[in-house]
N, C-alpha and C. Protein backbone atom coordinates (compact mmCIF):
# COMPACT_ATOMS: atom_id res chain seq x y z
N MET A 1 -35.03 113.90 288.73
CA MET A 1 -33.88 113.56 287.91
C MET A 1 -34.16 114.00 286.48
N PRO A 2 -33.20 114.64 285.83
CA PRO A 2 -33.45 115.17 284.49
C PRO A 2 -33.35 114.15 283.36
N PHE A 3 -33.29 112.87 283.69
CA PHE A 3 -33.32 111.87 282.63
C PHE A 3 -33.97 110.60 283.15
N THR A 4 -34.59 109.86 282.24
CA THR A 4 -35.09 108.52 282.54
C THR A 4 -34.57 107.59 281.46
N THR A 5 -34.30 106.38 281.84
CA THR A 5 -33.81 105.37 280.92
C THR A 5 -34.67 104.13 281.08
N SER A 6 -35.13 103.59 279.95
CA SER A 6 -35.96 102.39 279.98
C SER A 6 -35.83 101.66 278.65
N TRP A 7 -36.31 100.43 278.63
CA TRP A 7 -36.34 99.70 277.37
C TRP A 7 -37.47 100.24 276.51
N TYR A 8 -37.20 100.54 275.28
CA TYR A 8 -38.24 100.87 274.29
C TYR A 8 -38.68 99.57 273.63
N VAL A 9 -37.70 98.73 273.31
CA VAL A 9 -37.92 97.36 272.86
C VAL A 9 -36.92 96.53 273.67
N THR A 10 -37.42 95.64 274.50
CA THR A 10 -36.57 94.88 275.42
C THR A 10 -35.38 94.23 274.72
N ASP A 11 -34.22 94.47 275.30
CA ASP A 11 -32.94 93.93 274.84
C ASP A 11 -32.51 94.41 273.46
N ARG A 12 -33.17 95.41 272.91
CA ARG A 12 -32.83 95.89 271.56
C ARG A 12 -32.71 97.39 271.45
N VAL A 13 -33.65 98.13 272.05
CA VAL A 13 -33.67 99.59 271.90
C VAL A 13 -33.90 100.23 273.28
N ILE A 14 -33.01 101.14 273.64
CA ILE A 14 -33.13 101.89 274.89
C ILE A 14 -33.73 103.25 274.59
N TYR A 15 -34.64 103.68 275.44
CA TYR A 15 -35.24 105.01 275.34
C TYR A 15 -34.70 105.85 276.49
N GLU A 16 -34.09 106.98 276.15
CA GLU A 16 -33.59 107.91 277.16
C GLU A 16 -34.28 109.25 276.96
N LYS A 17 -34.93 109.75 278.00
CA LYS A 17 -35.65 111.03 277.94
C LYS A 17 -34.90 112.01 278.83
N PHE A 18 -34.48 113.13 278.24
CA PHE A 18 -33.74 114.16 278.97
C PHE A 18 -34.62 115.39 279.14
N THR A 19 -34.64 115.95 280.37
CA THR A 19 -35.44 117.13 280.64
C THR A 19 -34.61 118.13 281.45
N GLY A 20 -34.92 119.39 281.29
CA GLY A 20 -34.30 120.43 282.11
C GLY A 20 -32.81 120.58 281.87
N PHE A 21 -32.08 120.73 282.96
CA PHE A 21 -30.65 120.97 282.94
C PHE A 21 -29.92 119.71 283.38
N VAL A 22 -29.04 119.20 282.56
CA VAL A 22 -28.32 117.96 282.85
C VAL A 22 -26.90 118.30 283.25
N SER A 23 -26.42 117.72 284.36
CA SER A 23 -25.08 117.97 284.88
C SER A 23 -24.09 116.92 284.38
N PHE A 24 -22.80 117.15 284.64
CA PHE A 24 -21.77 116.18 284.28
C PHE A 24 -22.00 114.86 285.01
N GLU A 25 -22.38 114.94 286.27
CA GLU A 25 -22.62 113.73 287.05
C GLU A 25 -23.77 112.92 286.44
N GLU A 26 -24.79 113.60 285.97
CA GLU A 26 -25.93 112.91 285.36
C GLU A 26 -25.56 112.30 284.01
N ILE A 27 -24.72 112.97 283.25
CA ILE A 27 -24.23 112.37 282.00
C ILE A 27 -23.45 111.10 282.30
N ALA A 28 -22.60 111.15 283.33
CA ALA A 28 -21.85 109.96 283.73
C ALA A 28 -22.79 108.83 284.14
N GLU A 29 -23.89 109.16 284.81
CA GLU A 29 -24.87 108.14 285.21
C GLU A 29 -25.57 107.56 283.99
N VAL A 30 -25.91 108.39 283.00
CA VAL A 30 -26.52 107.89 281.76
C VAL A 30 -25.57 106.91 281.08
N VAL A 31 -24.29 107.24 281.03
CA VAL A 31 -23.29 106.37 280.43
C VAL A 31 -23.22 105.04 281.18
N ARG A 32 -23.21 105.11 282.52
CA ARG A 32 -23.14 103.90 283.34
C ARG A 32 -24.37 103.02 283.10
N LEU A 33 -25.55 103.62 283.07
CA LEU A 33 -26.77 102.85 282.82
C LEU A 33 -26.76 102.23 281.43
N GLY A 34 -26.28 102.99 280.45
CA GLY A 34 -26.18 102.46 279.09
C GLY A 34 -25.30 101.23 279.03
N GLU A 35 -24.20 101.24 279.79
CA GLU A 35 -23.31 100.08 279.83
C GLU A 35 -24.01 98.88 280.46
N GLU A 36 -24.83 99.12 281.50
CA GLU A 36 -25.59 98.02 282.11
C GLU A 36 -26.60 97.44 281.12
N TYR A 37 -27.28 98.30 280.41
CA TYR A 37 -28.24 97.84 279.41
C TYR A 37 -27.53 97.06 278.30
N GLN A 38 -26.34 97.50 277.91
CA GLN A 38 -25.60 96.78 276.88
C GLN A 38 -25.27 95.36 277.32
N GLU A 39 -24.93 95.19 278.60
CA GLU A 39 -24.64 93.86 279.12
C GLU A 39 -25.87 92.97 279.04
N LYS A 40 -27.06 93.54 279.25
CA LYS A 40 -28.31 92.78 279.22
C LYS A 40 -28.79 92.46 277.80
N ALA A 41 -28.27 93.18 276.82
CA ALA A 41 -28.79 93.09 275.45
C ALA A 41 -28.43 91.80 274.74
N GLY A 42 -27.49 91.05 275.28
CA GLY A 42 -27.11 89.81 274.61
C GLY A 42 -26.28 90.08 273.37
N LYS A 43 -26.46 89.24 272.34
CA LYS A 43 -25.60 89.33 271.17
C LYS A 43 -26.06 90.34 270.13
N ASN A 44 -27.27 90.87 270.26
CA ASN A 44 -27.81 91.80 269.27
C ASN A 44 -27.22 93.20 269.43
N ALA A 45 -27.20 93.94 268.33
CA ALA A 45 -26.82 95.36 268.39
C ALA A 45 -27.84 96.10 269.24
N LEU A 46 -27.36 96.99 270.06
CA LEU A 46 -28.23 97.78 270.94
C LEU A 46 -28.33 99.19 270.37
N HIS A 47 -29.56 99.66 270.19
CA HIS A 47 -29.81 100.99 269.65
C HIS A 47 -30.32 101.90 270.77
N PHE A 48 -30.11 103.20 270.59
CA PHE A 48 -30.55 104.19 271.57
C PHE A 48 -31.45 105.21 270.90
N ILE A 49 -32.56 105.55 271.57
CA ILE A 49 -33.37 106.70 271.20
C ILE A 49 -33.20 107.71 272.32
N ALA A 50 -32.59 108.84 272.01
CA ALA A 50 -32.37 109.91 272.99
C ALA A 50 -33.34 111.04 272.70
N ASP A 51 -34.32 111.21 273.56
CA ASP A 51 -35.35 112.23 273.40
C ASP A 51 -34.92 113.48 274.14
N ILE A 52 -34.55 114.53 273.40
CA ILE A 52 -34.09 115.78 274.02
C ILE A 52 -35.09 116.91 273.83
N THR A 53 -36.33 116.57 273.52
CA THR A 53 -37.33 117.60 273.24
C THR A 53 -37.57 118.53 274.43
N GLU A 54 -37.30 118.05 275.66
CA GLU A 54 -37.50 118.88 276.85
C GLU A 54 -36.20 119.26 277.53
N LEU A 55 -35.08 118.97 276.89
CA LEU A 55 -33.77 119.31 277.44
C LEU A 55 -33.53 120.80 277.28
N GLN A 56 -33.03 121.44 278.35
CA GLN A 56 -32.77 122.87 278.28
C GLN A 56 -31.29 123.20 278.22
N SER A 57 -30.45 122.34 278.81
CA SER A 57 -29.03 122.68 278.83
C SER A 57 -28.19 121.43 279.08
N LEU A 58 -27.03 121.43 278.45
CA LEU A 58 -26.00 120.41 278.66
C LEU A 58 -24.72 121.12 279.08
N PRO A 59 -23.86 120.44 279.84
CA PRO A 59 -22.57 121.05 280.18
C PRO A 59 -21.75 121.30 278.92
N LEU A 60 -21.02 122.39 278.90
CA LEU A 60 -20.24 122.76 277.73
C LEU A 60 -18.74 122.59 277.92
N ASN A 61 -18.30 122.23 279.10
CA ASN A 61 -16.87 122.13 279.37
C ASN A 61 -16.33 120.80 278.82
N ILE A 62 -15.58 120.86 277.74
CA ILE A 62 -15.05 119.67 277.07
C ILE A 62 -14.10 118.92 277.97
N VAL A 63 -13.31 119.63 278.77
CA VAL A 63 -12.35 118.96 279.67
C VAL A 63 -13.11 118.06 280.65
N GLN A 64 -14.20 118.56 281.21
CA GLN A 64 -14.99 117.75 282.13
C GLN A 64 -15.65 116.58 281.40
N LEU A 65 -16.13 116.81 280.19
CA LEU A 65 -16.73 115.72 279.42
C LEU A 65 -15.71 114.62 279.15
N ARG A 66 -14.47 115.00 278.88
CA ARG A 66 -13.42 114.00 278.62
C ARG A 66 -13.14 113.16 279.85
N ASN A 67 -13.42 113.67 281.05
CA ASN A 67 -13.16 112.93 282.28
C ASN A 67 -14.18 111.82 282.54
N ILE A 68 -15.29 111.84 281.83
CA ILE A 68 -16.28 110.77 281.99
C ILE A 68 -15.70 109.53 281.32
N GLN A 69 -15.64 108.45 282.06
CA GLN A 69 -15.06 107.21 281.55
C GLN A 69 -16.02 106.54 280.58
N LEU A 70 -15.70 106.60 279.31
CA LEU A 70 -16.54 106.01 278.29
C LEU A 70 -15.86 104.79 277.71
N LYS A 71 -16.63 103.74 277.56
CA LYS A 71 -16.13 102.53 276.91
C LYS A 71 -16.77 102.43 275.54
N PRO A 72 -16.02 101.96 274.56
CA PRO A 72 -16.66 101.78 273.25
C PRO A 72 -17.74 100.72 273.35
N PRO A 73 -18.89 100.95 272.72
CA PRO A 73 -19.97 99.95 272.80
C PRO A 73 -19.54 98.66 272.12
N PRO A 74 -19.76 97.49 272.77
CA PRO A 74 -19.35 96.22 272.18
C PRO A 74 -20.18 95.83 270.97
N LYS A 75 -21.43 96.24 270.95
CA LYS A 75 -22.33 95.90 269.85
C LYS A 75 -22.83 97.22 269.28
N LYS A 76 -22.20 97.68 268.23
CA LYS A 76 -22.51 99.01 267.71
C LYS A 76 -23.88 99.04 267.04
N GLY A 77 -24.77 99.79 267.64
CA GLY A 77 -26.06 100.05 267.04
C GLY A 77 -26.12 101.52 266.65
N MET A 78 -27.30 102.00 266.41
CA MET A 78 -27.52 103.40 266.05
C MET A 78 -27.97 104.18 267.28
N THR A 79 -27.65 105.45 267.29
CA THR A 79 -28.23 106.37 268.25
C THR A 79 -29.07 107.35 267.44
N VAL A 80 -30.34 107.44 267.77
CA VAL A 80 -31.21 108.41 267.11
C VAL A 80 -31.65 109.43 268.16
N VAL A 81 -31.59 110.68 267.78
CA VAL A 81 -31.92 111.78 268.68
C VAL A 81 -33.25 112.37 268.23
N VAL A 82 -34.17 112.53 269.18
CA VAL A 82 -35.47 113.12 268.89
C VAL A 82 -35.43 114.56 269.40
N SER A 83 -35.62 115.50 268.46
CA SER A 83 -35.56 116.91 268.80
C SER A 83 -36.26 117.72 267.73
N SER A 84 -36.81 118.86 268.13
CA SER A 84 -37.38 119.76 267.13
C SER A 84 -36.23 120.41 266.35
N PRO A 85 -36.45 120.73 265.08
CA PRO A 85 -35.36 121.25 264.24
C PRO A 85 -34.68 122.50 264.79
N ASN A 86 -35.38 123.35 265.49
CA ASN A 86 -34.80 124.60 265.98
C ASN A 86 -34.49 124.59 267.47
N HIS A 87 -34.43 123.41 268.07
CA HIS A 87 -34.17 123.31 269.50
C HIS A 87 -32.80 123.92 269.81
N ARG A 88 -32.73 124.71 270.87
CA ARG A 88 -31.50 125.46 271.15
C ARG A 88 -30.32 124.60 271.58
N VAL A 89 -30.53 123.36 272.00
CA VAL A 89 -29.40 122.51 272.40
C VAL A 89 -28.92 121.59 271.27
N ASN A 90 -29.55 121.66 270.11
CA ASN A 90 -29.16 120.78 269.00
C ASN A 90 -27.68 120.90 268.65
N HIS A 91 -27.15 122.12 268.64
CA HIS A 91 -25.75 122.30 268.27
C HIS A 91 -24.80 121.63 269.27
N VAL A 92 -25.15 121.66 270.56
CA VAL A 92 -24.32 121.01 271.57
C VAL A 92 -24.41 119.50 271.43
N VAL A 93 -25.62 118.98 271.24
CA VAL A 93 -25.82 117.54 271.06
C VAL A 93 -25.10 117.06 269.80
N THR A 94 -25.19 117.82 268.72
CA THR A 94 -24.52 117.46 267.48
C THR A 94 -23.00 117.44 267.67
N PHE A 95 -22.47 118.42 268.37
CA PHE A 95 -21.03 118.45 268.65
C PHE A 95 -20.61 117.22 269.45
N PHE A 96 -21.38 116.91 270.50
CA PHE A 96 -21.06 115.76 271.35
C PHE A 96 -21.15 114.46 270.54
N ALA A 97 -22.17 114.34 269.70
CA ALA A 97 -22.34 113.14 268.88
C ALA A 97 -21.18 112.99 267.89
N LYS A 98 -20.73 114.11 267.31
CA LYS A 98 -19.59 114.04 266.39
C LYS A 98 -18.32 113.62 267.13
N LEU A 99 -18.16 114.11 268.33
CA LEU A 99 -17.02 113.70 269.15
C LEU A 99 -17.07 112.20 269.43
N MET A 100 -18.25 111.69 269.77
CA MET A 100 -18.42 110.26 270.03
C MET A 100 -18.21 109.44 268.76
N ARG A 101 -18.61 109.98 267.61
CA ARG A 101 -18.38 109.29 266.34
C ARG A 101 -16.89 109.16 266.08
N THR A 102 -16.14 110.22 266.35
CA THR A 102 -14.70 110.20 266.14
C THR A 102 -14.02 109.21 267.07
N ILE A 103 -14.41 109.19 268.33
CA ILE A 103 -13.76 108.33 269.33
C ILE A 103 -14.20 106.88 269.20
N PHE A 104 -15.51 106.65 269.08
CA PHE A 104 -16.06 105.29 269.15
C PHE A 104 -16.75 104.81 267.89
N GLY A 105 -16.82 105.63 266.87
CA GLY A 105 -17.54 105.21 265.67
C GLY A 105 -19.04 105.25 265.84
N LEU A 106 -19.52 106.06 266.78
CA LEU A 106 -20.96 106.20 267.03
C LEU A 106 -21.68 106.66 265.77
N ARG A 107 -22.76 105.98 265.44
CA ARG A 107 -23.61 106.38 264.33
C ARG A 107 -24.86 107.02 264.90
N TYR A 108 -25.20 108.23 264.43
CA TYR A 108 -26.38 108.90 264.95
C TYR A 108 -27.10 109.66 263.85
N LYS A 109 -28.35 109.96 264.12
CA LYS A 109 -29.17 110.74 263.20
C LYS A 109 -30.26 111.41 264.04
N MET A 110 -30.72 112.59 263.60
CA MET A 110 -31.76 113.32 264.34
C MET A 110 -33.10 113.23 263.62
N PHE A 111 -34.18 113.16 264.43
CA PHE A 111 -35.55 113.07 263.93
C PHE A 111 -36.47 113.95 264.78
N PRO A 112 -37.59 114.42 264.20
CA PRO A 112 -38.51 115.26 264.96
C PRO A 112 -39.49 114.49 265.84
N SER A 113 -39.57 113.15 265.71
CA SER A 113 -40.51 112.39 266.55
C SER A 113 -39.94 111.00 266.87
N ILE A 114 -40.45 110.43 267.94
CA ILE A 114 -40.04 109.08 268.34
C ILE A 114 -40.45 108.08 267.26
N GLU A 115 -41.64 108.26 266.71
CA GLU A 115 -42.12 107.33 265.69
C GLU A 115 -41.20 107.31 264.47
N GLU A 116 -40.77 108.50 264.03
CA GLU A 116 -39.86 108.56 262.88
C GLU A 116 -38.50 107.98 263.23
N ALA A 117 -38.05 108.22 264.45
CA ALA A 117 -36.76 107.68 264.88
C ALA A 117 -36.80 106.15 264.88
N TYR A 118 -37.88 105.58 265.43
CA TYR A 118 -37.96 104.12 265.49
C TYR A 118 -38.15 103.53 264.09
N ALA A 119 -38.90 104.19 263.24
CA ALA A 119 -39.07 103.72 261.85
C ALA A 119 -37.70 103.66 261.15
N TYR A 120 -36.86 104.64 261.42
CA TYR A 120 -35.51 104.63 260.83
C TYR A 120 -34.70 103.44 261.37
N LEU A 121 -34.80 103.19 262.67
CA LEU A 121 -34.08 102.04 263.23
C LEU A 121 -34.56 100.74 262.59
N GLN A 122 -35.85 100.64 262.32
CA GLN A 122 -36.37 99.45 261.65
C GLN A 122 -35.82 99.33 260.23
N GLU A 123 -35.55 100.44 259.58
CA GLU A 123 -34.97 100.40 258.24
C GLU A 123 -33.52 99.91 258.27
N VAL A 124 -32.75 100.38 259.25
CA VAL A 124 -31.33 100.03 259.29
C VAL A 124 -31.06 98.69 259.98
N ASP A 125 -32.02 98.20 260.75
CA ASP A 125 -31.87 96.92 261.43
C ASP A 125 -33.10 96.07 261.13
N SER A 126 -32.97 95.17 260.18
CA SER A 126 -34.12 94.38 259.73
C SER A 126 -34.70 93.49 260.83
N THR A 127 -33.93 93.19 261.87
CA THR A 127 -34.45 92.34 262.94
C THR A 127 -35.49 93.06 263.80
N LEU A 128 -35.60 94.38 263.66
CA LEU A 128 -36.62 95.14 264.40
C LEU A 128 -37.94 95.24 263.64
N ARG A 129 -37.93 94.91 262.37
CA ARG A 129 -39.11 95.13 261.51
C ARG A 129 -40.31 94.29 261.89
N ASP A 130 -40.12 93.14 262.49
CA ASP A 130 -41.24 92.24 262.79
C ASP A 130 -41.98 92.57 264.08
N LEU A 131 -41.52 93.58 264.79
CA LEU A 131 -42.20 93.93 266.04
C LEU A 131 -43.54 94.58 265.75
N LYS A 132 -44.52 94.25 266.56
CA LYS A 132 -45.85 94.85 266.41
C LYS A 132 -45.77 96.35 266.70
N PRO A 133 -46.53 97.15 265.98
CA PRO A 133 -46.48 98.61 266.21
C PRO A 133 -46.75 99.01 267.65
N THR A 134 -47.62 98.29 268.36
CA THR A 134 -47.89 98.67 269.74
C THR A 134 -46.68 98.48 270.63
N GLU A 135 -45.80 97.56 270.27
CA GLU A 135 -44.59 97.36 271.06
C GLU A 135 -43.59 98.49 270.83
N ALA A 136 -43.69 99.13 269.69
CA ALA A 136 -42.69 100.12 269.33
C ALA A 136 -43.16 101.56 269.44
N THR A 137 -44.44 101.80 269.65
CA THR A 137 -44.91 103.18 269.62
C THR A 137 -44.90 103.86 270.98
N GLN A 138 -44.78 103.12 272.05
CA GLN A 138 -44.74 103.73 273.37
C GLN A 138 -43.46 103.32 274.08
N PRO A 139 -42.83 104.26 274.80
CA PRO A 139 -41.66 103.88 275.59
C PRO A 139 -42.04 102.81 276.60
N ALA A 140 -41.08 101.97 276.93
CA ALA A 140 -41.31 100.93 277.92
C ALA A 140 -41.65 101.56 279.26
N THR A 141 -42.23 100.78 280.16
CA THR A 141 -42.52 101.29 281.48
C THR A 141 -41.23 101.63 282.18
N GLU A 142 -41.30 102.53 283.14
CA GLU A 142 -40.11 102.91 283.88
C GLU A 142 -39.67 101.72 284.73
N GLU A 143 -38.62 101.08 284.31
CA GLU A 143 -38.10 99.93 285.04
C GLU A 143 -36.59 100.05 285.14
N THR A 144 -36.05 99.45 286.16
CA THR A 144 -34.60 99.46 286.25
C THR A 144 -34.08 98.24 285.52
N ILE A 145 -32.84 98.25 285.25
CA ILE A 145 -32.23 97.16 284.50
C ILE A 145 -32.35 95.84 285.26
N THR A 146 -32.27 95.88 286.59
CA THR A 146 -32.36 94.64 287.35
C THR A 146 -33.78 94.07 287.37
N GLU A 147 -34.79 94.92 287.26
CA GLU A 147 -36.16 94.45 287.25
C GLU A 147 -36.57 93.85 285.93
N SER A 148 -35.84 94.13 284.86
CA SER A 148 -36.24 93.65 283.53
C SER A 148 -35.70 92.27 283.21
N SER A 149 -35.00 91.63 284.13
CA SER A 149 -34.45 90.29 283.86
C SER A 149 -35.53 89.26 283.74
């Protein structure tokens, strides 16, 4: 599967790692999983770290992207994208993020490393600042949303 989703910080930050070629069906699955994680997050804002450092391609058909049923996030957090500055899919990800910002008010920013991305989240959300560095420096173990209860 070209993506994995797990807690980076339980009930607060989701880590999504994308690799290879991602299809429309897989994007729809990422959206569905994100909605499940949002339900588990409780009353706190839920943030996303999307690691695209190994992503090679995203679908470009806007009509098909519009067919994915997206719900506005109930607790608006930040989405931070981890990517190298010259990564060839950055322009597609940026376009998609701008589209999501227009539709849902998505806030996003790009960073070259997971550590920098999480440090930024700690700056914009003071409730994340008290976490020990060891809790925040490694992605959570691969777990499903039902196993993390």
